Amino acid sequence: MSESDSQIEFIFCQFALRNSKKTSGRIKSLVLNRFMPEIKKQIPLLNSDGTITEEGWARSPYWTYNRENIAASKLRIKEWDYYSILSPSKEYGITLTASDLGYAGLFAICFLDFKKASFKQIDTLSVMPLGKTGFPKVNDSGVVSFQDKKLSLRFETFNGKRTLEFESKDFVAPDGSRGIKGKIELAEPKMDTMNIATSWKENRKAFYYNTKINCMPATGNVVVGNQTLTFDSKTDFGALDWGRGVWTYKNRWYWSSVSAWIDGKPFGLNLGYGFSDRTPASENVILYDGKIHKLDEVNFIINTKDYLAPWKFVSNNNRLDLDFQPIVDRNSYMNFVLIKSEQHQVFGKFNGTVVLDDGKKIKLENVLGFAEDVLNHY
C-alpha cells in the first residue's frame, strides 16, 4: 500500500469513527481493529532486544511478562498492584497500593468517606527494592506482601479469588482514633478485562503492560479506628490496576474507572490516555454484562485550577458523553528536585450516556467512580 493510499484509508476510518450514527457497528469494529490491533493469542511481551513483540490491546492478559528481556537498569523497572473497593450505598471506600519502582517502593492504605468528602491515608517507602518486592509475573495467581513498622499489606490471588489483607496501628482515623485493619475478598467472574501493551515514541524499549479488572464483587470487613466497615458482594465492587513496565522520565496521564450495577447487570468503564504512545491501541473500554465494548479516543475536560469543579468526558465517536461531579480529591504532592509527583485522584458521581457496540445506549445516573490527573517526574 502506498503512502497516499494509507492516508486515504486513515481519513476514511476517522470519518467512520467520528460519524458513528451513520456507521454500522460491524464497520466501526473493523476500523478499530485495523488501527488498534486486538491480540487474541498468548505471546511473549518482549523481544530479546527489549522491544514489545506486538503492541495492541486484548480482552485477556495474552502477553507473557518476560522480565529477563527488559533492556533497562533495575532502577527503571516499575511493577505495581492498585486496588480500589467502593461501597456506593454506604458511601465509603478503601484503596490499597503496592509498588516497586526500582529505586523505591511505595505502599499505601487509604480510607475514603464520601459522606464527609474526606480521606485519610498512611503510606511508607522502601529503599532500593530493585524488583525484590516479589510481584508475580501474572495477574491471575500469586502473592505479593510487604511489612514495615508503619503498615503491612498482603495480596493473594488463587483460583478466581483475590484476598486483600492490610493493617496499620499508626493509621489515624477521621475521628482521631487509631488503627486500620481489614480483610477483603474479591471474586473474579469469567469476564473480559482491559489489557494493553504499548511503548514510548522516544524510546521503544520503554514499555507499559497493563491490566485493568473492573466489577469484582467485594466481601469483607475493615476496622477503621472505632468504626467497622462492611462490604457486601451484592452491592459493592473492587477493581484492580495491575502494571509492569519501564517508563520514560516525565509522564502525565489521565485515568478513570467505574464499577457499578446498572439495570441489574455489572457495568464498568476504563478510560485513559497520555501515558505512552497510544497510536497502536487505547485502553478506553465499556464493560457491560462481562463483555468489553471498545472505544477509540476520549478526552477529559478538567478545570486544573479547581479539581472539585465539574469535569466532562467525551469521545471522538460520540459514544461517550459524561458529566462528573467530584466529591473528594485524594491529592498528593512531592518534590525532591529530580523526583517529583503531583497527583489528583478525584472520586465522585457520573451522569450521562455511553453507547455499546450494537448501538444500545446505557444511561448513568449518579454512578460512583473516580478519575485522576497525574504528573510524575521519576
Protein backbone atom coordinates (compact mmCIF):
# COMPACT_ATOMS: atom_id res chain seq x y z
CA MET A 1 0.00 0.00 0.00
CA SER A 2 1.38 3.42 -0.96
CA GLU A 3 1.70 6.32 1.49
CA SER A 4 -1.15 8.16 -0.24
CA ASP A 5 -3.37 5.07 -0.02
CA SER A 6 -2.62 4.77 3.70
CA GLN A 7 -3.54 8.41 4.21
CA ILE A 8 -6.82 7.96 2.37
CA GLU A 9 -7.61 4.85 4.43
CA PHE A 10 -6.79 6.69 7.65
CA ILE A 11 -9.08 9.63 6.70
CA PHE A 12 -11.91 7.21 5.84
CA CYS A 13 -11.54 5.39 9.16
CA GLN A 14 -11.51 8.61 11.16
CA PHE A 15 -14.65 9.73 9.31
CA ALA A 16 -16.32 6.42 10.12
CA LEU A 17 -15.48 6.71 13.81
CA ARG A 18 -16.45 10.35 14.17
CA ASN A 19 -19.75 9.82 12.37
CA SER A 20 -20.78 6.82 14.42
CA LYS A 21 -24.52 7.40 13.97
CA LYS A 22 -24.10 6.80 10.23
CA THR A 23 -21.71 3.88 10.56
CA SER A 24 -22.73 0.30 11.35
CA GLY A 25 -21.35 -1.46 14.42
CA ARG A 26 -19.55 -4.01 12.21
CA ILE A 27 -17.72 -1.30 10.24
CA LYS A 28 -16.78 0.54 13.43
CA SER A 29 -15.37 -2.69 14.87
CA LEU A 30 -13.36 -3.34 11.69
CA VAL A 31 -12.00 0.20 11.75
CA LEU A 32 -10.86 -0.06 15.35
CA ASN A 33 -9.22 -3.44 14.75
CA ARG A 34 -7.39 -2.06 11.72
CA PHE A 35 -5.74 0.75 13.65
CA MET A 36 -5.91 -0.75 17.16
CA PRO A 37 -4.88 -4.40 16.73
CA GLU A 38 -6.55 -6.83 19.14
CA ILE A 39 -4.27 -9.58 20.41
CA LYS A 40 -6.08 -12.92 20.52
CA LYS A 41 -3.40 -15.46 21.45
CA GLN A 42 -0.66 -15.92 24.04
CA ILE A 43 2.60 -14.26 23.02
CA PRO A 44 5.80 -13.13 24.77
CA LEU A 45 5.67 -9.48 25.83
CA LEU A 46 9.25 -8.57 24.91
CA ASN A 47 11.69 -9.43 22.16
CA SER A 48 15.28 -10.24 23.08
CA ASP A 49 16.21 -6.59 22.46
CA GLY A 50 13.63 -5.34 24.98
CA THR A 51 11.05 -4.02 22.49
CA ILE A 52 7.43 -5.20 22.58
CA THR A 53 6.75 -8.17 20.30
CA GLU A 54 3.33 -6.87 19.24
CA GLU A 55 1.66 -3.74 20.56
CA GLY A 56 -2.09 -3.59 20.93
CA TRP A 57 -4.95 -4.40 23.29
CA ALA A 58 -6.66 -7.60 24.40
CA ARG A 59 -9.66 -8.94 26.33
CA SER A 60 -7.37 -11.23 28.34
CA PRO A 61 -3.74 -10.86 29.53
CA TYR A 62 -2.29 -12.61 26.49
CA TRP A 63 1.20 -11.13 26.79
CA THR A 64 3.64 -13.19 28.86
CA TYR A 65 5.70 -10.83 31.03
CA ASN A 66 9.27 -11.99 30.40
CA ARG A 67 11.15 -9.71 32.81
CA GLU A 68 14.50 -11.21 31.78
CA ASN A 69 14.25 -9.48 28.38
CA ILE A 70 13.90 -5.96 29.78
CA ALA A 71 16.59 -3.71 28.27
CA ALA A 72 16.89 -1.27 31.17
CA SER A 73 18.53 -0.89 34.55
CA LYS A 74 16.70 -2.39 37.54
CA LEU A 75 16.39 1.19 38.75
CA ARG A 76 13.95 1.87 35.89
CA ILE A 77 11.66 -1.18 36.17
CA LYS A 78 8.25 -0.47 37.67
CA GLU A 79 5.75 -3.02 38.98
CA TRP A 80 2.52 -2.26 40.82
CA ASP A 81 -0.86 -3.51 42.03
CA TYR A 82 -3.52 -0.95 42.95
CA TYR A 83 -6.92 -1.93 44.32
CA SER A 84 -10.00 0.23 44.86
CA ILE A 85 -13.01 -1.11 46.77
CA LEU A 86 -16.04 1.17 46.85
CA SER A 87 -19.45 0.97 48.51
CA PRO A 88 -21.87 3.38 46.78
CA SER A 89 -24.75 2.63 49.16
CA LYS A 90 -22.72 3.07 52.35
CA GLU A 91 -20.64 5.89 50.89
CA TYR A 92 -17.14 4.78 51.80
CA GLY A 93 -14.18 3.14 50.15
CA ILE A 94 -10.72 1.67 50.59
CA THR A 95 -7.74 1.90 48.23
CA LEU A 96 -4.57 -0.18 48.55
CA THR A 97 -1.29 0.47 46.75
CA ALA A 98 1.77 -1.74 46.44
CA SER A 99 4.54 -0.73 44.05
CA ASP A 100 8.18 -1.44 43.33
CA LEU A 101 9.64 1.45 41.31
CA GLY A 102 13.20 0.15 41.24
CA TYR A 103 14.91 2.78 43.35
CA ALA A 104 11.98 2.92 45.82
CA GLY A 105 8.83 1.09 46.80
CA LEU A 106 5.57 2.82 47.72
CA PHE A 107 2.88 1.19 49.83
CA ALA A 108 -0.35 2.85 50.99
CA ILE A 109 -3.69 2.28 52.70
CA CYS A 110 -6.37 4.91 52.18
CA PHE A 111 -9.86 5.27 53.69
CA LEU A 112 -12.41 7.42 51.84
CA ASP A 113 -15.53 8.87 53.47
CA PHE A 114 -17.86 10.16 50.76
CA LYS A 115 -20.43 11.46 53.23
CA LYS A 116 -17.86 13.79 54.76
CA ALA A 117 -15.94 14.32 51.49
CA SER A 118 -12.69 13.36 53.18
CA PHE A 119 -9.89 10.81 53.06
CA LYS A 120 -7.21 9.55 55.42
CA GLN A 121 -4.10 7.76 54.23
CA ILE A 122 -0.98 6.18 55.62
CA ASP A 123 1.93 5.33 53.35
CA THR A 124 5.53 4.26 53.55
CA LEU A 125 8.60 3.84 51.34
CA SER A 126 11.12 1.07 50.90
CA VAL A 127 14.61 1.97 49.66
CA MET A 128 16.17 0.41 46.57
CA PRO A 129 13.96 -2.69 46.33
CA LEU A 130 15.19 -3.25 42.74
CA GLY A 131 12.44 -5.75 41.99
CA LYS A 132 12.90 -7.74 45.19
CA THR A 133 9.39 -6.92 46.49
CA GLY A 134 8.32 -10.05 44.67
CA PHE A 135 5.49 -9.07 42.34
CA PRO A 136 4.16 -12.06 40.36
CA LYS A 137 4.70 -12.17 36.61
CA VAL A 138 0.99 -12.89 36.09
CA ASN A 139 -2.12 -11.21 37.43
CA ASP A 140 -4.30 -14.30 37.99
CA SER A 141 -2.22 -16.07 40.65
CA GLY A 142 0.48 -15.43 43.20
CA VAL A 143 1.21 -13.42 46.34
CA VAL A 144 2.78 -10.04 46.96
CA SER A 145 3.37 -8.85 50.51
CA PHE A 146 5.13 -6.06 52.39
CA GLN A 147 5.59 -5.13 56.02
CA ASP A 148 7.47 -2.48 57.95
CA LYS A 149 6.91 -0.55 61.19
CA LYS A 150 4.12 1.58 59.68
CA LEU A 151 1.93 -0.87 57.78
CA SER A 152 1.52 -4.31 56.26
CA LEU A 153 -0.11 -5.45 53.01
CA ARG A 154 -0.71 -8.89 51.56
CA PHE A 155 -2.45 -9.60 48.25
CA GLU A 156 -3.08 -13.23 47.30
CA THR A 157 -4.71 -14.38 44.07
CA PHE A 158 -5.79 -18.01 43.79
CA ASN A 159 -8.47 -19.90 41.90
CA GLY A 160 -10.51 -16.84 40.83
CA LYS A 161 -10.43 -15.10 44.21
CA ARG A 162 -8.33 -12.18 45.44
CA THR A 163 -7.73 -11.88 49.17
CA LEU A 164 -6.54 -8.48 50.37
CA GLU A 165 -5.23 -8.18 53.93
CA PHE A 166 -3.86 -4.98 55.43
CA GLU A 167 -3.10 -3.37 58.76
CA SER A 168 -1.58 -0.25 60.29
CA LYS A 169 -1.58 0.56 64.00
CA ASP A 170 -0.25 4.06 63.21
CA PHE A 171 -3.19 4.99 60.95
CA VAL A 172 -5.17 7.94 62.31
CA ALA A 173 -8.91 7.67 61.64
CA PRO A 174 -11.07 10.73 60.88
CA ASP A 175 -12.34 10.83 64.50
CA GLY A 176 -8.81 10.74 65.89
CA SER A 177 -8.85 7.10 66.93
CA ARG A 178 -6.01 4.91 65.74
CA GLY A 179 -5.57 1.85 63.62
CA ILE A 180 -6.90 0.25 60.46
CA LYS A 181 -7.17 -3.48 59.79
CA GLY A 182 -9.07 -5.36 57.15
CA LYS A 183 -9.60 -8.43 55.04
CA ILE A 184 -11.49 -8.11 51.76
CA GLU A 185 -12.18 -10.85 49.25
CA LEU A 186 -12.81 -10.07 45.59
CA ALA A 187 -14.47 -12.68 43.39
CA GLU A 188 -13.41 -12.58 39.75
CA PRO A 189 -16.19 -13.85 37.47
CA LYS A 190 -15.43 -15.07 33.99
CA MET A 191 -15.45 -11.84 32.01
CA ASP A 192 -13.42 -9.67 29.67
CA THR A 193 -10.69 -7.46 31.11
CA MET A 194 -8.81 -4.50 29.64
CA ASN A 195 -5.24 -5.32 28.66
CA ILE A 196 -2.78 -3.14 26.77
CA ALA A 197 0.88 -3.21 25.74
CA THR A 198 2.38 -0.01 24.31
CA SER A 199 5.73 1.77 24.19
CA TRP A 200 7.04 5.34 24.00
CA LYS A 201 7.92 7.08 20.74
CA GLU A 202 11.15 8.44 22.17
CA ASN A 203 12.26 5.04 23.48
CA ARG A 204 10.66 1.85 22.16
CA LYS A 205 12.39 -0.15 24.91
CA ALA A 206 10.31 1.74 27.47
CA PHE A 207 7.00 -0.07 27.75
CA TYR A 208 3.66 -0.17 29.56
CA TYR A 209 1.96 -3.53 30.13
CA ASN A 210 -1.29 -3.06 31.99
CA THR A 211 -4.41 -4.96 33.02
CA LYS A 212 -7.50 -3.27 34.44
CA ILE A 213 -10.13 -5.51 36.03
CA ASN A 214 -13.50 -3.97 36.92
CA CYS A 215 -16.63 -5.26 38.62
CA MET A 216 -15.23 -7.78 41.11
CA PRO A 217 -17.84 -8.37 43.86
CA ALA A 218 -16.35 -7.42 47.24
CA THR A 219 -16.93 -9.06 50.62
CA GLY A 220 -15.24 -8.31 53.92
CA ASN A 221 -14.80 -6.14 56.97
CA VAL A 222 -12.47 -3.26 57.74
CA VAL A 223 -11.97 -1.73 61.18
CA VAL A 224 -11.11 1.97 60.90
CA GLY A 225 -10.34 3.29 64.36
CA ASN A 226 -13.59 2.79 66.30
CA GLN A 227 -15.67 2.13 63.16
CA THR A 228 -16.31 -1.16 61.37
CA LEU A 229 -16.96 -1.09 57.63
CA THR A 230 -18.68 -3.95 55.83
CA PHE A 231 -18.51 -4.68 52.11
CA ASP A 232 -21.35 -6.64 50.52
CA SER A 233 -20.84 -8.54 47.26
CA LYS A 234 -24.44 -7.78 46.22
CA THR A 235 -23.78 -4.03 46.07
CA ASP A 236 -20.03 -3.36 46.26
CA PHE A 237 -17.25 -3.85 43.73
CA GLY A 238 -13.49 -3.90 43.72
CA ALA A 239 -11.22 -3.03 40.79
CA LEU A 240 -7.57 -3.69 40.02
CA ASP A 241 -4.89 -1.72 38.19
CA TRP A 242 -2.05 -4.21 37.53
CA GLY A 243 1.02 -2.90 35.77
CA ARG A 244 4.54 -3.83 34.75
CA GLY A 245 6.89 -1.69 32.72
CA VAL A 246 9.78 0.64 32.11
CA TRP A 247 8.81 4.31 31.87
CA THR A 248 10.40 7.41 30.46
CA TYR A 249 11.30 10.14 32.98
CA LYS A 250 8.38 12.58 32.65
CA ASN A 251 4.78 11.49 32.18
CA ARG A 252 1.32 12.93 32.63
CA TRP A 253 -1.63 10.58 32.46
CA TYR A 254 -5.38 10.68 32.81
CA TRP A 255 -7.34 7.68 34.07
CA SER A 256 -10.91 6.98 35.11
CA SER A 257 -12.64 3.87 36.43
CA VAL A 258 -16.21 2.87 37.23
CA SER A 259 -17.67 -0.39 38.55
CA ALA A 260 -21.41 -0.45 39.21
CA TRP A 261 -24.71 -2.24 38.77
CA ILE A 262 -26.88 -0.75 36.03
CA ASP A 263 -30.22 -2.32 35.13
CA GLY A 264 -29.27 -5.42 37.09
CA LYS A 265 -26.04 -6.02 35.16
CA PRO A 266 -22.41 -5.31 36.05
CA PHE A 267 -21.20 -2.18 34.28
CA GLY A 268 -17.65 -0.89 34.10
CA LEU A 269 -15.68 1.88 32.49
CA ASN A 270 -11.95 2.19 31.98
CA LEU A 271 -10.81 5.40 30.33
CA GLY A 272 -7.27 6.66 30.00
CA TYR A 273 -4.65 8.36 27.85
CA GLY A 274 -1.47 10.43 27.91
CA PHE A 275 0.80 7.61 29.06
CA SER A 276 2.98 6.04 26.34
CA ASP A 277 2.29 6.18 22.58
CA ARG A 278 -1.36 5.18 22.17
CA THR A 279 -1.25 5.04 18.36
CA PRO A 280 -1.38 1.21 18.38
CA ALA A 281 -4.18 0.99 20.97
CA SER A 282 -6.22 2.83 23.57
CA GLU A 283 -7.33 1.49 26.94
CA ASN A 284 -10.80 3.01 26.59
CA VAL A 285 -13.49 0.39 27.10
CA ILE A 286 -17.03 -0.12 28.31
CA LEU A 287 -17.63 -3.35 30.24
CA TYR A 288 -21.26 -4.49 30.20
CA ASP A 289 -22.50 -7.84 31.45
CA GLY A 290 -18.99 -9.29 31.23
CA LYS A 291 -18.21 -8.17 27.68
CA ILE A 292 -15.92 -5.35 26.53
CA HIS A 293 -17.15 -2.73 24.05
CA LYS A 294 -14.13 -0.91 22.62
CA LEU A 295 -13.93 2.87 22.41
CA ASP A 296 -11.48 4.94 20.37
CA GLU A 297 -10.24 8.25 21.81
CA VAL A 298 -11.65 10.05 24.85
CA ASN A 299 -10.99 13.47 26.31
CA PHE A 300 -11.12 14.61 29.95
CA ILE A 301 -12.18 18.26 30.25
CA ILE A 302 -10.87 19.47 33.62
CA ASN A 303 -10.52 22.77 35.44
CA THR A 304 -6.98 22.20 36.69
CA LYS A 305 -7.23 25.23 38.95
CA ASP A 306 -10.09 23.57 40.85
CA TYR A 307 -10.25 19.77 40.71
CA LEU A 308 -13.53 19.81 42.67
CA ALA A 309 -15.25 21.73 39.88
CA PRO A 310 -17.34 19.58 37.48
CA TRP A 311 -15.48 17.51 34.85
CA LYS A 312 -16.63 16.48 31.38
CA PHE A 313 -15.81 13.29 29.43
CA VAL A 314 -16.39 12.92 25.69
CA SER A 315 -15.30 10.53 22.95
CA ASN A 316 -14.33 11.25 19.34
CA ASN A 317 -17.02 8.89 18.02
CA ASN A 318 -19.99 10.21 20.01
CA ARG A 319 -20.29 7.03 22.06
CA LEU A 320 -19.48 8.57 25.42
CA ASP A 321 -20.85 11.77 26.94
CA LEU A 322 -20.49 12.04 30.71
CA ASP A 323 -20.59 14.69 33.40
CA PHE A 324 -18.63 14.10 36.58
CA GLN A 325 -19.40 15.80 39.90
CA PRO A 326 -16.42 15.46 42.28
CA ILE A 327 -16.86 14.62 45.96
CA VAL A 328 -13.31 14.34 47.27
CA ASP A 329 -9.85 14.96 45.78
CA ARG A 330 -7.33 12.40 47.02
CA ASN A 331 -4.36 14.60 46.21
CA SER A 332 -0.66 14.49 46.96
CA TYR A 333 2.43 16.49 46.06
CA MET A 334 6.10 15.55 46.29
CA ASN A 335 9.16 17.46 45.12
CA PHE A 336 12.67 16.14 45.69
CA VAL A 337 14.15 18.08 42.73
CA LEU A 338 14.79 15.13 40.39
CA ILE A 339 11.83 13.15 41.73
CA LYS A 340 8.53 14.99 41.53
CA SER A 341 4.91 13.92 41.66
CA GLU A 342 1.60 15.78 41.63
CA GLN A 343 -1.48 13.61 41.84
CA HIS A 344 -5.22 14.29 41.89
CA GLN A 345 -7.36 11.18 42.17
CA VAL A 346 -10.89 12.53 42.37
CA PHE A 347 -13.87 10.45 43.49
CA GLY A 348 -17.38 11.47 42.53
CA LYS A 349 -20.61 10.74 40.64
CA PHE A 350 -21.03 10.18 36.90
CA ASN A 351 -24.10 11.12 34.87
CA GLY A 352 -24.64 10.74 31.13
CA THR A 353 -24.71 8.09 28.43
CA VAL A 354 -22.46 5.55 26.72
CA VAL A 355 -23.22 3.53 23.58
CA LEU A 356 -22.39 -0.16 23.20
CA ASP A 357 -21.04 -1.76 20.02
CA ASP A 358 -24.55 -2.76 18.94
CA GLY A 359 -25.88 0.78 19.37
CA LYS A 360 -27.61 0.19 22.70
CA LYS A 361 -27.49 3.29 24.90
CA ILE A 362 -26.70 2.92 28.62
CA LYS A 363 -27.65 5.72 30.98
CA LEU A 364 -25.56 6.54 34.06
CA GLU A 365 -27.31 8.26 36.95
CA ASN A 366 -25.20 9.28 39.96
CA VAL A 367 -22.79 6.38 39.49
CA LEU A 368 -19.83 6.37 41.87
CA GLY A 369 -16.34 6.21 40.38
CA PHE A 370 -13.10 8.13 40.12
CA ALA A 371 -10.91 10.00 37.67
CA GLU A 372 -7.33 11.19 38.00
CA ASP A 373 -4.78 13.60 36.59
CA VAL A 374 -1.22 12.62 37.50
CA LEU A 375 2.12 14.24 36.64
CA ASN A 376 5.29 12.33 37.52
CA HIS A 377 8.99 13.02 37.10
CA TYR A 378 10.94 9.92 38.08
